[in-house]
Amino acid sequence: MTFQPEQLDAEEVNARVEEALENNHVVLFMKGNRLMPQCGYSAKALELISQYEDEFETVDVLPALPQFRASLNEVSGWETIPQTFVDGEFIGGSDILAELDERGELEATLAGDA
């Protein structure tokens, strides 16, 4: 038996992105999931967010990476993954999260106070 990844078309991906942004305070679009991040940048973003937020949504983009990149680029203007959103507003990738954390601003940003 071979594993067949879920096939998602652009319309399905756009709907998933829209739904995730509308229904969650903090969303991390990442490669992999909370239990098994599939890239170092996604793992770093997950670690940074987890310092301040217990409850947040993660979306694994790997089942349809090109479609997720295109859909997220439409929303954020950013092509790379991971991408973090707070209340539907694009915050940035792991590098931006790290900068905010170094400046002591990440907790307030994730709370929606920034």
PDB file of N, CA and C in Angstrom:
ATOM      1  N   MET A   1       0.844  -1.173   0.000  1.00  0.00           N
ATOM      2  CA  MET A   1       0.000   0.000   0.000  1.00  0.00           C
ATOM      3  C   MET A   1       0.892   1.241   0.000  1.00  0.00           C
ATOM      4  N   THR A   2       0.618   2.156  -0.887  1.00  0.00           N
ATOM      5  CA  THR A   2       1.384   3.395  -0.943  1.00  0.00           C
ATOM      6  C   THR A   2       0.536   4.538  -0.436  1.00  0.00           C
ATOM      7  N   PHE A   3       1.194   5.481   0.180  1.00  0.00           N
ATOM      8  CA  PHE A   3       0.524   6.657   0.705  1.00  0.00           C
ATOM      9  C   PHE A   3       0.238   7.625  -0.431  1.00  0.00           C
ATOM     10  N   GLN A   4      -1.002   8.037  -0.547  1.00  0.00           N
ATOM     11  CA  GLN A   4      -1.386   9.029  -1.544  1.00  0.00           C
ATOM     12  C   GLN A   4      -1.742  10.313  -0.810  1.00  0.00           C
ATOM     13  N   PRO A   5      -0.953  11.372  -1.004  1.00  0.00           N
ATOM     14  CA  PRO A   5      -1.294  12.621  -0.318  1.00  0.00           C
ATOM     15  C   PRO A   5      -2.620  13.169  -0.813  1.00  0.00           C
ATOM     16  N   GLU A   6      -3.263  13.896   0.072  1.00  0.00           N
ATOM     17  CA  GLU A   6      -4.530  14.532  -0.270  1.00  0.00           C
ATOM     18  C   GLU A   6      -4.305  15.513  -1.424  1.00  0.00           C
ATOM     19  N   GLN A   7      -5.136  15.444  -2.418  1.00  0.00           N
ATOM     20  CA  GLN A   7      -5.024  16.343  -3.560  1.00  0.00           C
ATOM     21  C   GLN A   7      -6.033  17.480  -3.398  1.00  0.00           C
ATOM     22  N   LEU A   8      -5.530  18.702  -3.345  1.00  0.00           N
ATOM     23  CA  LEU A   8      -6.387  19.867  -3.191  1.00  0.00           C
ATOM     24  C   LEU A   8      -6.190  20.793  -4.376  1.00  0.00           C
ATOM     25  N   ASP A   9      -7.294  21.301  -4.914  1.00  0.00           N
ATOM     26  CA  ASP A   9      -7.149  22.263  -6.000  1.00  0.00           C
ATOM     27  C   ASP A   9      -7.127  23.672  -5.410  1.00  0.00           C
ATOM     28  N   ALA A  10      -6.846  24.643  -6.251  1.00  0.00           N
ATOM     29  CA  ALA A  10      -6.681  26.028  -5.802  1.00  0.00           C
ATOM     30  C   ALA A  10      -7.925  26.550  -5.091  1.00  0.00           C
ATOM     31  N   GLU A  11      -9.089  26.194  -5.591  1.00  0.00           N
ATOM     32  CA  GLU A  11     -10.342  26.663  -4.978  1.00  0.00           C
ATOM     33  C   GLU A  11     -10.497  26.125  -3.550  1.00  0.00           C
ATOM     34  N   GLU A  12     -10.192  24.839  -3.355  1.00  0.00           N
ATOM     35  CA  GLU A  12     -10.272  24.239  -2.020  1.00  0.00           C
ATOM     36  C   GLU A  12      -9.272  24.882  -1.065  1.00  0.00           C
ATOM     37  N   VAL A  13      -8.072  25.136  -1.565  1.00  0.00           N
ATOM     38  CA  VAL A  13      -7.040  25.758  -0.736  1.00  0.00           C
ATOM     39  C   VAL A  13      -7.456  27.176  -0.356  1.00  0.00           C
ATOM     40  N   ASN A  14      -7.958  27.944  -1.312  1.00  0.00           N
ATOM     41  CA  ASN A  14      -8.419  29.303  -1.007  1.00  0.00           C
ATOM     42  C   ASN A  14      -9.494  29.287   0.070  1.00  0.00           C
ATOM     43  N   ALA A  15     -10.410  28.323  -0.010  1.00  0.00           N
ATOM     44  CA  ALA A  15     -11.472  28.208   0.991  1.00  0.00           C
ATOM     45  C   ALA A  15     -10.898  27.855   2.360  1.00  0.00           C
ATOM     46  N   ARG A  16      -9.915  26.963   2.402  1.00  0.00           N
ATOM     47  CA  ARG A  16      -9.294  26.591   3.681  1.00  0.00           C
ATOM     48  C   ARG A  16      -8.554  27.766   4.306  1.00  0.00           C
ATOM     49  N   VAL A  17      -7.847  28.526   3.484  1.00  0.00           N
ATOM     50  CA  VAL A  17      -7.126  29.704   3.987  1.00  0.00           C
ATOM     51  C   VAL A  17      -8.120  30.712   4.549  1.00  0.00           C
ATOM     52  N   GLU A  18      -9.152  31.012   3.775  1.00  0.00           N
ATOM     53  CA  GLU A  18     -10.164  31.974   4.207  1.00  0.00           C
ATOM     54  C   GLU A  18     -10.827  31.538   5.506  1.00  0.00           C
ATOM     55  N   GLU A  19     -11.193  30.273   5.583  1.00  0.00           N
ATOM     56  CA  GLU A  19     -11.846  29.750   6.789  1.00  0.00           C
ATOM     57  C   GLU A  19     -10.919  29.827   8.003  1.00  0.00           C
ATOM     58  N   ALA A  20      -9.659  29.439   7.822  1.00  0.00           N
ATOM     59  CA  ALA A  20      -8.698  29.474   8.936  1.00  0.00           C
ATOM     60  C   ALA A  20      -8.509  30.901   9.445  1.00  0.00           C
ATOM     61  N   LEU A  21      -8.424  31.862   8.530  1.00  0.00           N
ATOM     62  CA  LEU A  21      -8.214  33.251   8.928  1.00  0.00           C
ATOM     63  C   LEU A  21      -9.444  33.837   9.614  1.00  0.00           C
ATOM     64  N   GLU A  22     -10.622  33.464   9.150  1.00  0.00           N
ATOM     65  CA  GLU A  22     -11.863  34.002   9.723  1.00  0.00           C
ATOM     66  C   GLU A  22     -12.191  33.403  11.087  1.00  0.00           C
ATOM     67  N   ASN A  23     -11.813  32.148  11.307  1.00  0.00           N
ATOM     68  CA  ASN A  23     -12.286  31.430  12.492  1.00  0.00           C
ATOM     69  C   ASN A  23     -11.260  31.259  13.607  1.00  0.00           C
ATOM     70  N   ASN A  24     -10.072  31.866  13.466  1.00  0.00           N
ATOM     71  CA  ASN A  24      -9.036  31.669  14.476  1.00  0.00           C
ATOM     72  C   ASN A  24      -8.332  32.982  14.797  1.00  0.00           C
ATOM     73  N   HIS A  25      -8.047  33.166  16.065  1.00  0.00           N
ATOM     74  CA  HIS A  25      -7.325  34.361  16.513  1.00  0.00           C
ATOM     75  C   HIS A  25      -5.891  34.345  15.972  1.00  0.00           C
ATOM     76  N   VAL A  26      -5.171  33.248  16.188  1.00  0.00           N
ATOM     77  CA  VAL A  26      -3.800  33.102  15.695  1.00  0.00           C
ATOM     78  C   VAL A  26      -3.748  31.866  14.806  1.00  0.00           C
ATOM     79  N   VAL A  27      -3.181  32.027  13.600  1.00  0.00           N
ATOM     80  CA  VAL A  27      -3.036  30.915  12.659  1.00  0.00           C
ATOM     81  C   VAL A  27      -1.593  30.882  12.165  1.00  0.00           C
ATOM     82  N   LEU A  28      -1.023  29.689  12.189  1.00  0.00           N
ATOM     83  CA  LEU A  28       0.303  29.465  11.626  1.00  0.00           C
ATOM     84  C   LEU A  28       0.170  28.501  10.454  1.00  0.00           C
ATOM     85  N   PHE A  29       0.446  28.991   9.254  1.00  0.00           N
ATOM     86  CA  PHE A  29       0.514  28.136   8.075  1.00  0.00           C
ATOM     87  C   PHE A  29       1.950  27.632   8.018  1.00  0.00           C
ATOM     88  N   MET A  30       2.121  26.321   8.088  1.00  0.00           N
ATOM     89  CA  MET A  30       3.447  25.750   8.260  1.00  0.00           C
ATOM     90  C   MET A  30       3.622  24.472   7.454  1.00  0.00           C
ATOM     91  N   LYS A  31       4.856  24.042   7.355  1.00  0.00           N
ATOM     92  CA  LYS A  31       5.163  22.748   6.741  1.00  0.00           C
ATOM     93  C   LYS A  31       5.166  21.727   7.871  1.00  0.00           C
ATOM     94  N   GLY A  32       4.201  20.811   7.820  1.00  0.00           N
ATOM     95  CA  GLY A  32       4.046  19.816   8.869  1.00  0.00           C
ATOM     96  C   GLY A  32       2.973  20.235   9.844  1.00  0.00           C
ATOM     97  N   ASN A  33       3.043  19.679  11.049  1.00  0.00           N
ATOM     98  CA  ASN A  33       2.049  19.998  12.069  1.00  0.00           C
ATOM     99  C   ASN A  33       2.738  20.194  13.416  1.00  0.00           C
ATOM    100  N   ARG A  34       1.953  20.490  14.432  1.00  0.00           N
ATOM    101  CA  ARG A  34       2.506  20.746  15.769  1.00  0.00           C
ATOM    102  C   ARG A  34       3.395  19.619  16.271  1.00  0.00           C
ATOM    103  N   LEU A  35       2.967  18.396  16.042  1.00  0.00           N
ATOM    104  CA  LEU A  35       3.718  17.251  16.545  1.00  0.00           C
ATOM    105  C   LEU A  35       4.935  16.924  15.702  1.00  0.00           C
ATOM    106  N   MET A  36       4.888  17.291  14.416  1.00  0.00           N
ATOM    107  CA  MET A  36       5.990  16.948  13.535  1.00  0.00           C
ATOM    108  C   MET A  36       6.218  18.033  12.478  1.00  0.00           C
ATOM    109  N   PRO A  37       6.828  19.158  12.895  1.00  0.00           N
ATOM    110  CA  PRO A  37       7.158  20.186  11.909  1.00  0.00           C
ATOM    111  C   PRO A  37       8.129  19.617  10.881  1.00  0.00           C
ATOM    112  N   GLN A  38       7.960  20.017   9.619  1.00  0.00           N
ATOM    113  CA  GLN A  38       8.758  19.439   8.544  1.00  0.00           C
ATOM    114  C   GLN A  38       9.846  20.370   8.016  1.00  0.00           C
ATOM    115  N   CYS A  39      10.062  21.504   8.684  1.00  0.00           N
ATOM    116  CA  CYS A  39      11.212  22.349   8.335  1.00  0.00           C
ATOM    117  C   CYS A  39      11.601  23.152   9.566  1.00  0.00           C
ATOM    118  N   GLY A  40      12.837  23.575   9.594  1.00  0.00           N
ATOM    119  CA  GLY A  40      13.350  24.309  10.745  1.00  0.00           C
ATOM    120  C   GLY A  40      12.646  25.630  10.983  1.00  0.00           C
ATOM    121  N   TYR A  41      12.293  26.324   9.904  1.00  0.00           N
ATOM    122  CA  TYR A  41      11.600  27.610  10.054  1.00  0.00           C
ATOM    123  C   TYR A  41      10.213  27.427  10.658  1.00  0.00           C
ATOM    124  N   SER A  42       9.517  26.379  10.224  1.00  0.00           N
ATOM    125  CA  SER A  42       8.200  26.093  10.797  1.00  0.00           C
ATOM    126  C   SER A  42       8.333  25.711  12.268  1.00  0.00           C
ATOM    127  N   ALA A  43       9.348  24.920  12.600  1.00  0.00           N
ATOM    128  CA  ALA A  43       9.576  24.526  13.996  1.00  0.00           C
ATOM    129  C   ALA A  43       9.870  25.753  14.853  1.00  0.00           C
ATOM    130  N   LYS A  44      10.662  26.671  14.330  1.00  0.00           N
ATOM    131  CA  LYS A  44      11.005  27.894  15.072  1.00  0.00           C
ATOM    132  C   LYS A  44       9.767  28.751  15.300  1.00  0.00           C
ATOM    133  N   ALA A  45       8.946  28.940  14.263  1.00  0.00           N
ATOM    134  CA  ALA A  45       7.724  29.730  14.403  1.00  0.00           C
ATOM    135  C   ALA A  45       6.796  29.094  15.443  1.00  0.00           C
ATOM    136  N   LEU A  46       6.661  27.798  15.379  1.00  0.00           N
ATOM    137  CA  LEU A  46       5.824  27.058  16.327  1.00  0.00           C
ATOM    138  C   LEU A  46       6.322  27.275  17.753  1.00  0.00           C
ATOM    139  N   GLU A  47       7.617  27.177  17.946  1.00  0.00           N
ATOM    140  CA  GLU A  47       8.229  27.370  19.266  1.00  0.00           C
ATOM    141  C   GLU A  47       7.978  28.783  19.787  1.00  0.00           C
ATOM    142  N   LEU A  48       8.175  29.781  18.925  1.00  0.00           N
ATOM    143  CA  LEU A  48       7.994  31.173  19.346  1.00  0.00           C
ATOM    144  C   LEU A  48       6.549  31.460  19.726  1.00  0.00           C
ATOM    145  N   ILE A  49       5.607  31.026  18.910  1.00  0.00           N
ATOM    146  CA  ILE A  49       4.195  31.264  19.211  1.00  0.00           C
ATOM    147  C   ILE A  49       3.783  30.537  20.486  1.00  0.00           C
ATOM    148  N   SER A  50       4.255  29.307  20.643  1.00  0.00           N
ATOM    149  CA  SER A  50       3.882  28.474  21.790  1.00  0.00           C
ATOM    150  C   SER A  50       4.334  29.057  23.124  1.00  0.00           C
ATOM    151  N   GLN A  51       5.313  29.939  23.108  1.00  0.00           N
ATOM    152  CA  GLN A  51       5.744  30.600  24.350  1.00  0.00           C
ATOM    153  C   GLN A  51       4.635  31.442  24.951  1.00  0.00           C
ATOM    154  N   TYR A  52       3.763  31.983  24.098  1.00  0.00           N
ATOM    155  CA  TYR A  52       2.773  32.954  24.552  1.00  0.00           C
ATOM    156  C   TYR A  52       1.323  32.541  24.310  1.00  0.00           C
ATOM    157  N   GLU A  53       1.108  31.608  23.399  1.00  0.00           N
ATOM    158  CA  GLU A  53      -0.257  31.196  23.053  1.00  0.00           C
ATOM    159  C   GLU A  53      -0.393  29.684  23.214  1.00  0.00           C
ATOM    160  N   ASP A  54      -1.352  29.264  24.024  1.00  0.00           N
ATOM    161  CA  ASP A  54      -1.627  27.836  24.169  1.00  0.00           C
ATOM    162  C   ASP A  54      -2.555  27.353  23.059  1.00  0.00           C
ATOM    163  N   GLU A  55      -3.513  28.177  22.723  1.00  0.00           N
ATOM    164  CA  GLU A  55      -4.535  27.822  21.740  1.00  0.00           C
ATOM    165  C   GLU A  55      -4.316  28.609  20.459  1.00  0.00           C
ATOM    166  N   PHE A  56      -3.909  27.936  19.409  1.00  0.00           N
ATOM    167  CA  PHE A  56      -3.804  28.565  18.103  1.00  0.00           C
ATOM    168  C   PHE A  56      -3.899  27.477  17.049  1.00  0.00           C
ATOM    169  N   GLU A  57      -4.276  27.893  15.851  1.00  0.00           N
ATOM    170  CA  GLU A  57      -4.496  26.953  14.751  1.00  0.00           C
ATOM    171  C   GLU A  57      -3.218  26.804  13.938  1.00  0.00           C
ATOM    172  N   THR A  58      -2.947  25.584  13.514  1.00  0.00           N
ATOM    173  CA  THR A  58      -1.869  25.355  12.548  1.00  0.00           C
ATOM    174  C   THR A  58      -2.486  24.703  11.318  1.00  0.00           C
ATOM    175  N   VAL A  59      -1.956  25.060  10.155  1.00  0.00           N
ATOM    176  CA  VAL A  59      -2.416  24.493   8.892  1.00  0.00           C
ATOM    177  C   VAL A  59      -1.197  23.955   8.166  1.00  0.00           C
ATOM    178  N   ASP A  60      -1.217  22.659   7.876  1.00  0.00           N
ATOM    179  CA  ASP A  60      -0.133  22.010   7.143  1.00  0.00           C
ATOM    180  C   ASP A  60      -0.307  22.319   5.659  1.00  0.00           C
ATOM    181  N   VAL A  61       0.670  23.008   5.072  1.00  0.00           N
ATOM    182  CA  VAL A  61       0.582  23.394   3.665  1.00  0.00           C
ATOM    183  C   VAL A  61       1.138  22.336   2.721  1.00  0.00           C
ATOM    184  N   LEU A  62       1.798  21.325   3.256  1.00  0.00           N
ATOM    185  CA  LEU A  62       2.464  20.346   2.403  1.00  0.00           C
ATOM    186  C   LEU A  62       1.549  19.557   1.466  1.00  0.00           C
ATOM    187  N   PRO A  63       0.295  19.270   1.837  1.00  0.00           N
ATOM    188  CA  PRO A  63      -0.544  18.522   0.899  1.00  0.00           C
ATOM    189  C   PRO A  63      -0.790  19.232  -0.432  1.00  0.00           C
ATOM    190  N   ALA A  64      -0.601  20.552  -0.456  1.00  0.00           N
ATOM    191  CA  ALA A  64      -0.824  21.316  -1.692  1.00  0.00           C
ATOM    192  C   ALA A  64       0.055  22.566  -1.655  1.00  0.00           C
ATOM    193  N   LEU A  65       1.363  22.360  -1.523  1.00  0.00           N
ATOM    194  CA  LEU A  65       2.283  23.472  -1.318  1.00  0.00           C
ATOM    195  C   LEU A  65       2.174  24.572  -2.376  1.00  0.00           C
ATOM    196  N   PRO A  66       2.183  24.254  -3.681  1.00  0.00           N
ATOM    197  CA  PRO A  66       2.091  25.343  -4.666  1.00  0.00           C
ATOM    198  C   PRO A  66       0.784  26.140  -4.552  1.00  0.00           C
ATOM    199  N   GLN A  67      -0.302  25.443  -4.292  1.00  0.00           N
ATOM    200  CA  GLN A  67      -1.595  26.116  -4.166  1.00  0.00           C
ATOM    201  C   GLN A  67      -1.646  26.991  -2.909  1.00  0.00           C
ATOM    202  N   PHE A  68      -1.088  26.472  -1.790  1.00  0.00           N
ATOM    203  CA  PHE A  68      -1.059  27.271  -0.566  1.00  0.00           C
ATOM    204  C   PHE A  68      -0.160  28.493  -0.745  1.00  0.00           C
ATOM    205  N   ARG A  69       1.000  28.325  -1.384  1.00  0.00           N
ATOM    206  CA  ARG A  69       1.885  29.476  -1.624  1.00  0.00           C
ATOM    207  C   ARG A  69       1.140  30.562  -2.405  1.00  0.00           C
ATOM    208  N   ALA A  70       0.445  30.170  -3.457  1.00  0.00           N
ATOM    209  CA  ALA A  70      -0.284  31.136  -4.285  1.00  0.00           C
ATOM    210  C   ALA A  70      -1.406  31.806  -3.491  1.00  0.00           C
ATOM    211  N   SER A  71      -2.171  31.018  -2.756  1.00  0.00           N
ATOM    212  CA  SER A  71      -3.293  31.557  -1.997  1.00  0.00           C
ATOM    213  C   SER A  71      -2.813  32.507  -0.905  1.00  0.00           C
ATOM    214  N   LEU A  72      -1.789  32.106  -0.157  1.00  0.00           N
ATOM    215  CA  LEU A  72      -1.271  32.948   0.914  1.00  0.00           C
ATOM    216  C   LEU A  72      -0.625  34.215   0.364  1.00  0.00           C
ATOM    217  N   ASN A  73       0.032  34.105  -0.790  1.00  0.00           N
ATOM    218  CA  ASN A  73       0.644  35.278  -1.405  1.00  0.00           C
ATOM    219  C   ASN A  73      -0.416  36.319  -1.750  1.00  0.00           C
ATOM    220  N   GLU A  74      -1.600  35.859  -2.155  1.00  0.00           N
ATOM    221  CA  GLU A  74      -2.704  36.780  -2.447  1.00  0.00           C
ATOM    222  C   GLU A  74      -3.129  37.546  -1.191  1.00  0.00           C
ATOM    223  N   VAL A  75      -3.070  36.883  -0.044  1.00  0.00           N
ATOM    224  CA  VAL A  75      -3.519  37.488   1.205  1.00  0.00           C
ATOM    225  C   VAL A  75      -2.416  38.336   1.839  1.00  0.00           C
ATOM    226  N   SER A  76      -1.185  37.821   1.833  1.00  0.00           N
ATOM    227  CA  SER A  76      -0.110  38.455   2.588  1.00  0.00           C
ATOM    228  C   SER A  76       0.918  39.198   1.747  1.00  0.00           C
ATOM    229  N   GLY A  77       1.015  38.849   0.468  1.00  0.00           N
ATOM    230  CA  GLY A  77       2.077  39.405  -0.352  1.00  0.00           C
ATOM    231  C   GLY A  77       3.425  38.774  -0.055  1.00  0.00           C
ATOM    232  N   TRP A  78       3.395  37.642   0.616  1.00  0.00           N
ATOM    233  CA  TRP A  78       4.596  36.951   1.093  1.00  0.00           C
ATOM    234  C   TRP A  78       4.601  35.560   0.479  1.00  0.00           C
ATOM    235  N   GLU A  79       5.714  35.110  -0.058  1.00  0.00           N
ATOM    236  CA  GLU A  79       5.747  33.819  -0.743  1.00  0.00           C
ATOM    237  C   GLU A  79       6.238  32.662   0.117  1.00  0.00           C
ATOM    238  N   THR A  80       7.002  32.952   1.154  1.00  0.00           N
ATOM    239  CA  THR A  80       7.622  31.865   1.903  1.00  0.00           C
ATOM    240  C   THR A  80       6.703  31.347   3.004  1.00  0.00           C
ATOM    241  N   ILE A  81       6.988  30.142   3.426  1.00  0.00           N
ATOM    242  CA  ILE A  81       6.274  29.466   4.508  1.00  0.00           C
ATOM    243  C   ILE A  81       7.312  29.232   5.609  1.00  0.00           C
ATOM    244  N   PRO A  82       6.995  29.442   6.858  1.00  0.00           N
ATOM    245  CA  PRO A  82       5.694  29.629   7.490  1.00  0.00           C
ATOM    246  C   PRO A  82       5.209  31.073   7.423  1.00  0.00           C
ATOM    247  N   GLN A  83       3.904  31.203   7.653  1.00  0.00           N
ATOM    248  CA  GLN A  83       3.269  32.512   7.738  1.00  0.00           C
ATOM    249  C   GLN A  83       2.348  32.531   8.951  1.00  0.00           C
ATOM    250  N   THR A  84       2.438  33.611   9.717  1.00  0.00           N
ATOM    251  CA  THR A  84       1.631  33.777  10.922  1.00  0.00           C
ATOM    252  C   THR A  84       0.654  34.931  10.736  1.00  0.00           C
ATOM    253  N   PHE A  85      -0.591  34.687  11.140  1.00  0.00           N
ATOM    254  CA  PHE A  85      -1.641  35.707  11.082  1.00  0.00           C
ATOM    255  C   PHE A  85      -2.270  35.844  12.459  1.00  0.00           C
ATOM    256  N   VAL A  86      -2.594  37.075  12.843  1.00  0.00           N
ATOM    257  CA  VAL A  86      -3.330  37.357  14.076  1.00  0.00           C
ATOM    258  C   VAL A  86      -4.563  38.147  13.683  1.00  0.00           C
ATOM    259  N   ASP A  87      -5.722  37.617  14.044  1.00  0.00           N
ATOM    260  CA  ASP A  87      -7.004  38.236  13.689  1.00  0.00           C
ATOM    261  C   ASP A  87      -7.069  38.562  12.202  1.00  0.00           C
ATOM    262  N   GLY A  88      -6.572  37.640  11.369  1.00  0.00           N
ATOM    263  CA  GLY A  88      -6.627  37.782   9.922  1.00  0.00           C
ATOM    264  C   GLY A  88      -5.556  38.675   9.331  1.00  0.00           C
ATOM    265  N   GLU A  89      -4.723  39.292  10.181  1.00  0.00           N
ATOM    266  CA  GLU A  89      -3.673  40.193   9.704  1.00  0.00           C
ATOM    267  C   GLU A  89      -2.340  39.454   9.655  1.00  0.00           C
ATOM    268  N   PHE A  90      -1.654  39.575   8.529  1.00  0.00           N
ATOM    269  CA  PHE A  90      -0.356  38.936   8.356  1.00  0.00           C
ATOM    270  C   PHE A  90       0.676  39.580   9.270  1.00  0.00           C
ATOM    271  N   ILE A  91       1.379  38.730  10.036  1.00  0.00           N
ATOM    272  CA  ILE A  91       2.433  39.209  10.935  1.00  0.00           C
ATOM    273  C   ILE A  91       3.805  38.958  10.317  1.00  0.00           C
ATOM    274  N   GLY A  92       4.039  37.732   9.828  1.00  0.00           N
ATOM    275  CA  GLY A  92       5.320  37.425   9.205  1.00  0.00           C
ATOM    276  C   GLY A  92       5.690  35.968   9.377  1.00  0.00           C
ATOM    277  N   GLY A  93       6.904  35.662   8.958  1.00  0.00           N
ATOM    278  CA  GLY A  93       7.450  34.320   9.085  1.00  0.00           C
ATOM    279  C   GLY A  93       8.238  34.192  10.381  1.00  0.00           C
ATOM    280  N   SER A  94       9.016  33.128  10.478  1.00  0.00           N
ATOM    281  CA  SER A  94       9.752  32.868  11.716  1.00  0.00           C
ATOM    282  C   SER A  94      10.770  33.963  12.015  1.00  0.00           C
ATOM    283  N   ASP A  95      11.350  34.571  10.976  1.00  0.00           N
ATOM    284  CA  ASP A  95      12.334  35.633  11.197  1.00  0.00           C
ATOM    285  C   ASP A  95      11.692  36.863  11.836  1.00  0.00           C
ATOM    286  N   ILE A  96      10.519  37.226  11.367  1.00  0.00           N
ATOM    287  CA  ILE A  96       9.805  38.377  11.932  1.00  0.00           C
ATOM    288  C   ILE A  96       9.365  38.068  13.359  1.00  0.00           C
ATOM    289  N   LEU A  97       8.872  36.847  13.591  1.00  0.00           N
ATOM    290  CA  LEU A  97       8.476  36.460  14.950  1.00  0.00           C
ATOM    291  C   LEU A  97       9.666  36.551  15.891  1.00  0.00           C
ATOM    292  N   ALA A  98      10.839  36.090  15.439  1.00  0.00           N
ATOM    293  CA  ALA A  98      12.051  36.137  16.268  1.00  0.00           C
ATOM    294  C   ALA A  98      12.437  37.584  16.582  1.00  0.00           C
ATOM    295  N   GLU A  99      12.341  38.468  15.583  1.00  0.00           N
ATOM    296  CA  GLU A  99      12.650  39.886  15.810  1.00  0.00           C
ATOM    297  C   GLU A  99      11.690  40.501  16.822  1.00  0.00           C
ATOM    298  N   LEU A 100      10.405  40.208  16.666  1.00  0.00           N
ATOM    299  CA  LEU A 100       9.416  40.722  17.619  1.00  0.00           C
ATOM    300  C   LEU A 100       9.699  40.206  19.027  1.00  0.00           C
ATOM    301  N   ASP A 101      10.083  38.941  19.143  1.00  0.00           N
ATOM    302  CA  ASP A 101      10.383  38.357  20.444  1.00  0.00           C
ATOM    303  C   ASP A 101      11.612  39.021  21.063  1.00  0.00           C
ATOM    304  N   GLU A 102      12.641  39.241  20.253  1.00  0.00           N
ATOM    305  CA  GLU A 102      13.856  39.898  20.753  1.00  0.00           C
ATOM    306  C   GLU A 102      13.556  41.297  21.272  1.00  0.00           C
ATOM    307  N   ARG A 103      12.621  41.990  20.641  1.00  0.00           N
ATOM    308  CA  ARG A 103      12.256  43.353  21.057  1.00  0.00           C
ATOM    309  C   ARG A 103      11.213  43.353  22.175  1.00  0.00           C
ATOM    310  N   GLY A 104      10.768  42.156  22.591  1.00  0.00           N
ATOM    311  CA  GLY A 104       9.768  42.066  23.655  1.00  0.00           C
ATOM    312  C   GLY A 104       8.366  42.406  23.199  1.00  0.00           C
ATOM    313  N   GLU A 105       8.107  42.304  21.880  1.00  0.00           N
ATOM    314  CA  GLU A 105       6.812  42.703  21.325  1.00  0.00           C
ATOM    315  C   GLU A 105       5.948  41.524  20.870  1.00  0.00           C
ATOM    316  N   LEU A 106       6.490  40.322  20.874  1.00  0.00           N
ATOM    317  CA  LEU A 106       5.749  39.190  20.311  1.00  0.00           C
ATOM    318  C   LEU A 106       4.497  38.863  21.114  1.00  0.00           C
ATOM    319  N   GLU A 107       4.594  38.850  22.434  1.00  0.00           N
ATOM    320  CA  GLU A 107       3.430  38.498  23.255  1.00  0.00           C
ATOM    321  C   GLU A 107       2.261  39.442  22.974  1.00  0.00           C
ATOM    322  N   ALA A 108       2.532  40.741  22.926  1.00  0.00           N
ATOM    323  CA  ALA A 108       1.467  41.724  22.658  1.00  0.00           C
ATOM    324  C   ALA A 108       0.943  41.572  21.229  1.00  0.00           C
ATOM    325  N   THR A 109       1.823  41.285  20.288  1.00  0.00           N
ATOM    326  CA  THR A 109       1.405  41.105  18.896  1.00  0.00           C
ATOM    327  C   THR A 109       0.465  39.911  18.779  1.00  0.00           C
ATOM    328  N   LEU A 110       0.818  38.812  19.416  1.00  0.00           N
ATOM    329  CA  LEU A 110      -0.018  37.602  19.358  1.00  0.00           C
ATOM    330  C   LEU A 110      -1.339  37.805  20.092  1.00  0.00           C
ATOM    331  N   ALA A 111      -1.337  38.652  21.098  1.00  0.00           N
ATOM    332  CA  ALA A 111      -2.570  38.929  21.831  1.00  0.00           C
ATOM    333  C   ALA A 111      -3.481  39.871  21.055  1.00  0.00           C
ATOM    334  N   GLY A 112      -2.923  40.484  19.991  1.00  0.00           N
ATOM    335  CA  GLY A 112      -3.705  41.419  19.197  1.00  0.00           C
ATOM    336  C   GLY A 112      -3.649  42.829  19.756  1.00  0.00           C
ATOM    337  N   ASP A 113      -2.680  43.084  20.647  1.00  0.00           N
ATOM    338  CA  ASP A 113      -2.571  44.398  21.279  1.00  0.00           C
ATOM    339  C   ASP A 113      -1.595  45.325  20.557  1.00  0.00           C
ATOM    340  N   ALA A 114      -0.902  44.801  19.551  1.00  0.00           N
ATOM    341  CA  ALA A 114       0.123  45.632  18.891  1.00  0.00           C
ATOM    342  C   ALA A 114      -0.459  46.422  17.750  1.00  0.00           C
TER     343      ALA A 114
END
